Amino acid sequence: MRLELFRSCFSRRQRKYFVTVLLGLVECEGRRTLRGLLQAVWEQVSLSGLSRFLGRWPWSPLDLVHVWLAAMRREAGLPVPEPVPRLNGGLLTPLSIPGIPEARHCALLRWVKGRLLENGRLEHYRAQGRLMARMHNFTQQWQQLASDQTKRHYNWNGLFMNHPEIGLPPGKSWEYLPADWGAPFESVARQFRQLIDAWGTGPEVYGLIHADMGLDANLLFWRGQPRPIDFDGSGFGYWMYDLAAAIAHCIGTADYPRVRDALFAGYAEHRSLPDGQFAQWDLFTAAFYVYYILWMVGVAHLHPGCLDQDQEEAMYRGAAFIIGRDAR
């Protein structure tokens, strides 16, 4: 099957949804809702994940992320996806589709060689740390970002008040948490507010980040070197949030402390952060999981039964971390 030739273009999750869309186009001929499409071709795929895969680009038509990618490649030689410019020099192409009120903005990126790792080793996490440090170093001094405040922010509101893609009023997801989760989750939000009020959003702590560069999803390896993909969730956030989110999938495993230390060691080879920032590692990890779980319970409320097994396991693993941290 020719689709197998393109398996390495996608993360495991992305490929699952991509194949579902193709099967749905053939089987349903455009006459089904998303839920009907899933029932017809692949019930194991979650509705929430398919909605995100097909979702509209979350930012304005301004092509900041692609300008950022192009600058990282051109000025720093970083192995990020390379945008292909149009003949007029622009990086986005507006596309209008009959029956859809808003135009989509499409970009073409060059092929990124690499594969997802089934089981990352410590040297892979050290390499990941080195890459993230180089990206943070470049972005911190990239002056084009200084005046741009229109993009997604992983600040207090961005993490705890529902992303607009959920389709719920701000903060509504908190009502759908299990009763015994409420207090420890609120404690994380309160501590995070106190921390960022003290830290502010200066370039030494805050900038444009990938926000989901984990070996489990969006980091390929080619000849031992990491290559990030899928920057659609990028936004402004804390450098420490970017680091914590990158290995949050390892929470609850016996290797987690060694993975964290390896990531730190690689990062320190290229970039120094004050000890006070690294000391807040647990809080940023907890903040990531509060954000992720609020998204999941909100989507599950709107679409009962839509979460797949991996998402549910991640949710309970993250909740256990938050509750355990609160009990200490």
Protein backbone atom coordinates (compact mmCIF):
# COMPACT_ATOMS: atom_id res chain seq x y z
CA MET A 1 0.00 0.00 0.00
CA ARG A 2 1.48 3.33 -1.09
CA LEU A 3 0.42 5.05 2.14
CA GLU A 4 3.04 2.98 3.94
CA LEU A 5 5.72 4.95 2.10
CA PHE A 6 4.65 8.03 4.07
CA ARG A 7 4.36 6.44 7.52
CA SER A 8 7.41 8.31 8.83
CA CYS A 9 5.90 11.68 7.86
CA PHE A 10 3.50 11.50 10.78
CA SER A 11 3.54 10.85 14.47
CA ARG A 12 1.58 7.74 15.43
CA ARG A 13 -1.45 9.81 16.45
CA GLN A 14 -1.35 12.01 13.35
CA ARG A 15 -1.10 9.05 10.99
CA LYS A 16 -4.07 7.36 12.66
CA TYR A 17 -6.23 10.44 12.04
CA PHE A 18 -4.84 10.98 8.54
CA VAL A 19 -5.76 7.44 7.50
CA THR A 20 -9.20 7.87 9.09
CA VAL A 21 -9.84 10.99 7.02
CA LEU A 22 -8.81 9.24 3.80
CA LEU A 23 -10.97 6.21 4.54
CA GLY A 24 -13.84 8.49 5.45
CA LEU A 25 -13.61 10.39 2.18
CA VAL A 26 -13.82 7.11 0.27
CA GLU A 27 -16.46 5.38 2.40
CA CYS A 28 -18.75 8.26 3.32
CA GLU A 29 -18.37 10.45 0.22
CA GLY A 30 -18.64 13.57 2.37
CA ARG A 31 -22.15 12.74 3.63
CA ARG A 32 -21.35 12.00 7.29
CA THR A 33 -20.66 14.00 10.42
CA LEU A 34 -17.38 13.37 12.22
CA ARG A 35 -19.09 10.91 14.57
CA GLY A 36 -20.72 9.14 11.64
CA LEU A 37 -17.38 8.99 9.85
CA LEU A 38 -15.78 7.32 12.86
CA GLN A 39 -18.56 4.79 13.20
CA ALA A 40 -18.24 3.93 9.53
CA VAL A 41 -14.50 3.51 9.27
CA TRP A 42 -12.61 3.38 12.60
CA GLU A 43 -14.33 3.50 15.97
CA GLN A 44 -11.00 3.30 17.84
CA VAL A 45 -10.07 6.85 16.82
CA SER A 46 -11.29 9.51 19.26
CA LEU A 47 -13.67 12.23 18.13
CA SER A 48 -11.69 14.82 20.07
CA GLY A 49 -8.46 13.89 18.32
CA LEU A 50 -10.08 13.93 14.89
CA SER A 51 -11.58 17.36 15.60
CA ARG A 52 -8.14 18.70 16.48
CA PHE A 53 -6.59 17.12 13.38
CA LEU A 54 -9.16 18.82 11.17
CA GLY A 55 -9.31 21.99 13.23
CA ARG A 56 -8.77 25.47 11.88
CA TRP A 57 -5.33 27.02 12.38
CA PRO A 58 -5.64 28.64 15.81
CA TRP A 59 -3.83 31.87 15.02
CA SER A 60 -4.46 34.85 12.81
CA PRO A 61 -3.45 34.79 9.13
CA LEU A 62 -0.11 36.35 10.11
CA ASP A 63 2.54 33.75 9.44
CA LEU A 64 4.63 34.25 12.57
CA VAL A 65 5.33 30.56 13.18
CA HIS A 66 6.60 30.04 9.64
CA VAL A 67 8.75 33.17 9.76
CA TRP A 68 10.15 31.80 13.04
CA LEU A 69 10.87 28.40 11.48
CA ALA A 70 12.55 29.99 8.47
CA ALA A 71 14.67 32.20 10.75
CA MET A 72 15.75 29.27 12.93
CA ARG A 73 16.96 27.38 9.86
CA ARG A 74 18.55 30.36 8.09
CA GLU A 75 20.18 32.15 11.03
CA ALA A 76 20.91 29.32 13.48
CA GLY A 77 21.05 26.19 11.33
CA LEU A 78 18.45 24.46 13.49
CA PRO A 79 16.87 21.25 12.11
CA VAL A 80 13.27 22.47 12.13
CA PRO A 81 10.77 22.15 9.25
CA GLU A 82 11.62 24.53 6.41
CA PRO A 83 8.73 26.58 4.97
CA VAL A 84 8.64 26.82 1.18
CA PRO A 85 7.83 30.40 0.10
CA ARG A 86 5.29 31.25 -2.55
CA LEU A 87 6.34 33.00 -5.74
CA ASN A 88 5.45 36.32 -4.11
CA GLY A 89 7.65 35.54 -1.09
CA GLY A 90 4.79 34.88 1.31
CA LEU A 91 4.64 31.71 3.40
CA LEU A 92 0.87 31.16 3.68
CA THR A 93 -1.67 30.56 0.93
CA PRO A 94 -5.31 31.49 1.67
CA LEU A 95 -7.77 28.81 0.57
CA SER A 96 -11.54 29.31 0.42
CA ILE A 97 -13.82 26.26 0.43
CA PRO A 98 -17.49 26.47 -0.59
CA GLY A 99 -19.76 26.13 2.42
CA ILE A 100 -17.07 27.09 4.94
CA PRO A 101 -17.33 30.73 6.04
CA GLU A 102 -13.67 31.40 6.87
CA ALA A 103 -10.65 30.93 4.64
CA ARG A 104 -7.96 28.44 5.63
CA HIS A 105 -4.31 29.43 5.44
CA CYS A 106 -2.06 26.68 4.13
CA ALA A 107 1.71 26.32 4.26
CA LEU A 108 4.10 23.99 2.45
CA LEU A 109 7.00 22.55 4.46
CA ARG A 110 9.93 20.56 3.14
CA TRP A 111 10.29 16.90 4.08
CA VAL A 112 11.84 16.24 7.50
CA LYS A 113 13.92 13.06 7.54
CA GLY A 114 13.61 10.95 10.67
CA ARG A 115 11.51 8.49 12.62
CA LEU A 116 9.75 8.40 15.95
CA LEU A 117 11.52 6.26 18.52
CA GLU A 118 9.65 3.38 20.08
CA ASN A 119 11.84 3.52 23.20
CA GLY A 120 14.01 6.57 23.75
CA ARG A 121 17.30 6.14 25.60
CA LEU A 122 18.98 8.65 27.89
CA GLU A 123 21.26 9.86 25.11
CA HIS A 124 18.16 10.77 23.11
CA TYR A 125 16.84 12.91 25.96
CA ARG A 126 20.23 14.61 26.32
CA ALA A 127 20.13 15.38 22.59
CA GLN A 128 16.60 16.70 23.03
CA GLY A 129 17.83 19.01 25.80
CA ARG A 130 20.64 20.33 23.61
CA LEU A 131 18.22 21.09 20.79
CA MET A 132 15.71 22.84 23.06
CA ALA A 133 18.48 25.00 24.55
CA ARG A 134 19.60 26.09 21.08
CA MET A 135 16.03 26.90 20.10
CA HIS A 136 15.47 28.90 23.30
CA ASN A 137 18.77 30.76 22.83
CA PHE A 138 17.85 31.78 19.31
CA THR A 139 14.28 32.73 20.10
CA GLN A 140 15.20 34.83 23.13
CA GLN A 141 17.28 37.17 20.98
CA TRP A 142 14.98 37.13 17.95
CA GLN A 143 13.84 40.74 18.01
CA GLN A 144 10.93 40.27 15.62
CA LEU A 145 8.90 38.76 18.46
CA ALA A 146 9.22 41.69 20.81
CA SER A 147 6.10 43.54 19.65
CA ASP A 148 3.96 40.57 18.65
CA GLN A 149 1.34 39.87 21.30
CA THR A 150 -1.44 38.48 19.09
CA LYS A 151 -0.61 34.78 19.27
CA ARG A 152 -1.51 32.01 21.67
CA HIS A 153 -0.09 32.33 25.19
CA TYR A 154 0.60 29.55 27.67
CA ASN A 155 0.12 31.91 30.60
CA TRP A 156 -2.40 31.57 33.44
CA ASN A 157 -5.45 32.22 31.27
CA GLY A 158 -4.09 30.17 28.41
CA LEU A 159 -3.52 27.13 30.62
CA PHE A 160 -6.48 27.22 33.01
CA MET A 161 -9.35 29.01 31.26
CA ASN A 162 -10.05 26.64 28.30
CA HIS A 163 -8.58 26.93 24.85
CA PRO A 164 -11.22 28.32 22.41
CA GLU A 165 -11.08 25.12 20.32
CA ILE A 166 -12.99 23.28 23.06
CA GLY A 167 -16.08 25.39 22.44
CA LEU A 168 -16.85 26.01 26.13
CA PRO A 169 -16.97 29.31 28.05
CA PRO A 170 -13.70 30.21 29.81
CA GLY A 171 -13.19 28.10 32.93
CA LYS A 172 -16.20 25.86 32.33
CA SER A 173 -14.11 22.65 32.26
CA TRP A 174 -13.37 23.02 35.97
CA GLU A 175 -16.98 22.01 36.66
CA TYR A 176 -16.44 18.60 35.04
CA LEU A 177 -13.49 17.50 37.16
CA PRO A 178 -14.10 14.67 39.66
CA ALA A 179 -14.85 16.12 43.09
CA ASP A 180 -11.61 14.95 44.71
CA TRP A 181 -9.52 16.51 41.95
CA GLY A 182 -10.79 20.06 42.42
CA ALA A 183 -8.74 21.16 45.46
CA PRO A 184 -5.31 19.91 44.28
CA PHE A 185 -5.92 21.29 40.77
CA GLU A 186 -6.90 24.67 42.23
CA SER A 187 -3.77 24.59 44.37
CA VAL A 188 -1.64 24.22 41.23
CA ALA A 189 -3.42 27.14 39.54
CA ARG A 190 -2.98 29.30 42.63
CA GLN A 191 0.74 28.48 42.97
CA PHE A 192 1.27 29.08 39.27
CA ARG A 193 -0.38 32.49 39.52
CA GLN A 194 1.90 33.46 42.40
CA LEU A 195 4.97 32.27 40.54
CA ILE A 196 4.34 34.03 37.25
CA ASP A 197 3.31 37.22 39.02
CA ALA A 198 6.79 37.18 40.54
CA TRP A 199 8.58 36.11 37.34
CA GLY A 200 6.80 38.32 34.83
CA THR A 201 7.18 37.73 31.09
CA GLY A 202 10.65 39.06 30.37
CA PRO A 203 12.79 37.32 27.72
CA GLU A 204 14.86 35.55 30.37
CA VAL A 205 11.82 33.45 31.34
CA TYR A 206 9.26 33.75 28.52
CA GLY A 207 9.22 33.49 24.74
CA LEU A 208 7.94 31.61 21.69
CA ILE A 209 7.97 27.86 22.41
CA HIS A 210 6.99 24.61 20.70
CA ALA A 211 4.98 23.50 23.78
CA ASP A 212 4.69 19.80 22.81
CA MET A 213 8.12 18.55 21.74
CA GLY A 214 8.00 15.06 23.25
CA LEU A 215 9.64 11.89 21.98
CA ASP A 216 6.17 10.34 22.14
CA ALA A 217 4.72 12.59 19.46
CA ASN A 218 6.60 15.44 17.79
CA LEU A 219 10.32 14.71 17.88
CA LEU A 220 11.88 12.62 15.11
CA PHE A 221 15.45 11.30 15.12
CA TRP A 222 17.73 11.02 12.11
CA ARG A 223 21.20 9.52 12.55
CA GLY A 224 20.99 10.16 16.26
CA GLN A 225 19.96 13.82 15.97
CA PRO A 226 16.54 15.18 17.03
CA ARG A 227 14.30 17.00 14.56
CA PRO A 228 11.07 18.61 15.85
CA ILE A 229 7.88 18.63 13.80
CA ASP A 230 4.27 19.79 14.22
CA PHE A 231 4.54 23.39 15.39
CA ASP A 232 0.80 24.05 15.15
CA GLY A 233 0.47 24.29 18.95
CA SER A 234 3.35 26.72 19.32
CA GLY A 235 2.82 29.93 21.25
CA PHE A 236 4.30 32.23 23.82
CA GLY A 237 5.12 30.56 27.12
CA TYR A 238 7.72 29.96 29.81
CA TRP A 239 10.93 28.21 28.85
CA MET A 240 10.39 25.93 31.84
CA TYR A 241 6.91 25.00 30.61
CA ASP A 242 8.40 23.95 27.27
CA LEU A 243 10.89 21.68 29.05
CA ALA A 244 8.35 20.18 31.44
CA ALA A 245 5.81 19.48 28.69
CA ALA A 246 8.47 17.77 26.56
CA ILE A 247 8.86 14.83 28.97
CA ALA A 248 5.50 14.90 30.77
CA HIS A 249 4.63 11.63 29.02
CA CYS A 250 7.29 9.94 31.19
CA ILE A 251 5.55 10.84 34.46
CA GLY A 252 4.79 7.72 36.50
CA THR A 253 7.59 5.63 34.98
CA ALA A 254 10.62 4.37 36.89
CA ASP A 255 12.92 6.11 34.40
CA TYR A 256 11.39 9.58 34.85
CA PRO A 257 14.07 11.00 37.23
CA ARG A 258 16.87 9.83 34.91
CA VAL A 259 15.06 11.17 31.85
CA ARG A 260 14.64 14.56 33.54
CA ASP A 261 18.31 14.67 34.56
CA ALA A 262 19.41 13.72 31.04
CA LEU A 263 17.25 16.48 29.53
CA PHE A 264 18.70 19.00 32.02
CA ALA A 265 22.27 17.88 31.33
CA GLY A 266 21.87 18.31 27.57
CA TYR A 267 20.18 21.68 28.02
CA ALA A 268 22.97 22.94 30.28
CA GLU A 269 25.56 22.28 27.57
CA HIS A 270 24.17 25.23 25.57
CA ARG A 271 22.12 27.38 27.92
CA SER A 272 22.05 28.38 31.56
CA LEU A 273 18.90 29.09 33.54
CA PRO A 274 18.90 30.29 37.15
CA ASP A 275 18.56 27.54 39.74
CA GLY A 276 15.31 29.14 40.85
CA GLN A 277 13.73 28.28 37.51
CA PHE A 278 14.74 24.63 37.56
CA ALA A 279 13.46 24.39 41.16
CA GLN A 280 9.93 24.96 39.81
CA TRP A 281 10.03 21.87 37.59
CA ASP A 282 7.27 20.04 39.48
CA LEU A 283 4.96 23.05 39.36
CA PHE A 284 5.33 23.46 35.60
CA THR A 285 4.73 19.74 35.09
CA ALA A 286 1.60 19.95 37.23
CA ALA A 287 0.45 23.05 35.30
CA PHE A 288 0.86 21.15 32.03
CA TYR A 289 -1.31 18.31 33.31
CA VAL A 290 -4.00 20.63 34.68
CA TYR A 291 -4.18 22.23 31.23
CA TYR A 292 -4.25 18.87 29.45
CA ILE A 293 -6.86 17.35 31.77
CA LEU A 294 -9.12 20.40 31.61
CA TRP A 295 -9.03 20.08 27.84
CA MET A 296 -9.90 16.37 28.01
CA VAL A 297 -12.78 16.64 30.48
CA GLY A 298 -14.21 19.57 28.52
CA VAL A 299 -14.14 17.69 25.23
CA ALA A 300 -15.48 14.52 26.93
CA HIS A 301 -18.42 16.50 28.32
CA LEU A 302 -19.31 17.77 24.86
CA HIS A 303 -18.69 14.41 23.16
CA PRO A 304 -19.21 11.53 25.63
CA GLY A 305 -17.08 8.50 24.92
CA CYS A 306 -14.70 10.38 22.63
CA LEU A 307 -11.47 9.83 24.61
CA ASP A 308 -9.34 6.89 23.59
CA GLN A 309 -7.54 4.58 26.01
CA ASP A 310 -4.19 6.39 25.73
CA GLN A 311 -5.82 9.72 26.55
CA GLU A 312 -7.67 8.30 29.55
CA GLU A 313 -4.51 6.67 30.90
CA ALA A 314 -2.59 9.93 30.51
CA MET A 315 -5.35 11.81 32.28
CA TYR A 316 -5.34 9.54 35.33
CA ARG A 317 -1.55 9.42 35.39
CA GLY A 318 -1.40 13.20 35.38
CA ALA A 319 -4.08 13.49 38.05
CA ALA A 320 -2.16 11.06 40.27
CA PHE A 321 0.94 13.24 39.92
CA ILE A 322 -0.99 16.41 40.83
CA ILE A 323 -2.73 14.81 43.81
CA GLY A 324 0.49 13.21 45.05
CA ARG A 325 2.32 16.50 44.75
CA ASP A 326 -0.41 18.30 46.70
CA ALA A 327 -0.20 15.72 49.52
CA ARG A 328 3.54 16.28 50.03
